[in-house]
């Protein structure tokens, strides 16, 4: 289990401060990061949250995974599975 969580299906309007406030329900938030496209600066609909402890990370997953926020169901998972491409498919080269 990780303290760093991957969060998918975020609203395009979600800010880092709003994400921090949301996850503070589960415990102390160390940091948040919302991912944006390089070419236009729009958010990609996912981000990362780091909780202070692993127990708070587990708590955040149990409280927030599947919760409806701004009309969208959040997907919250431990960040260790990024290589499995949580929020999209990787393009194959060639």
Foldseek 3Di string as FASTA:
>chain_A
DFLKKKKAQADQPDDQVNVLVLLCVLPAWPGKFFDADPVPRTTPGMIMTGHPDVNSLVSSQVPQQQDADPNTGMHMDHPPCVVVPPHDDDDDDD
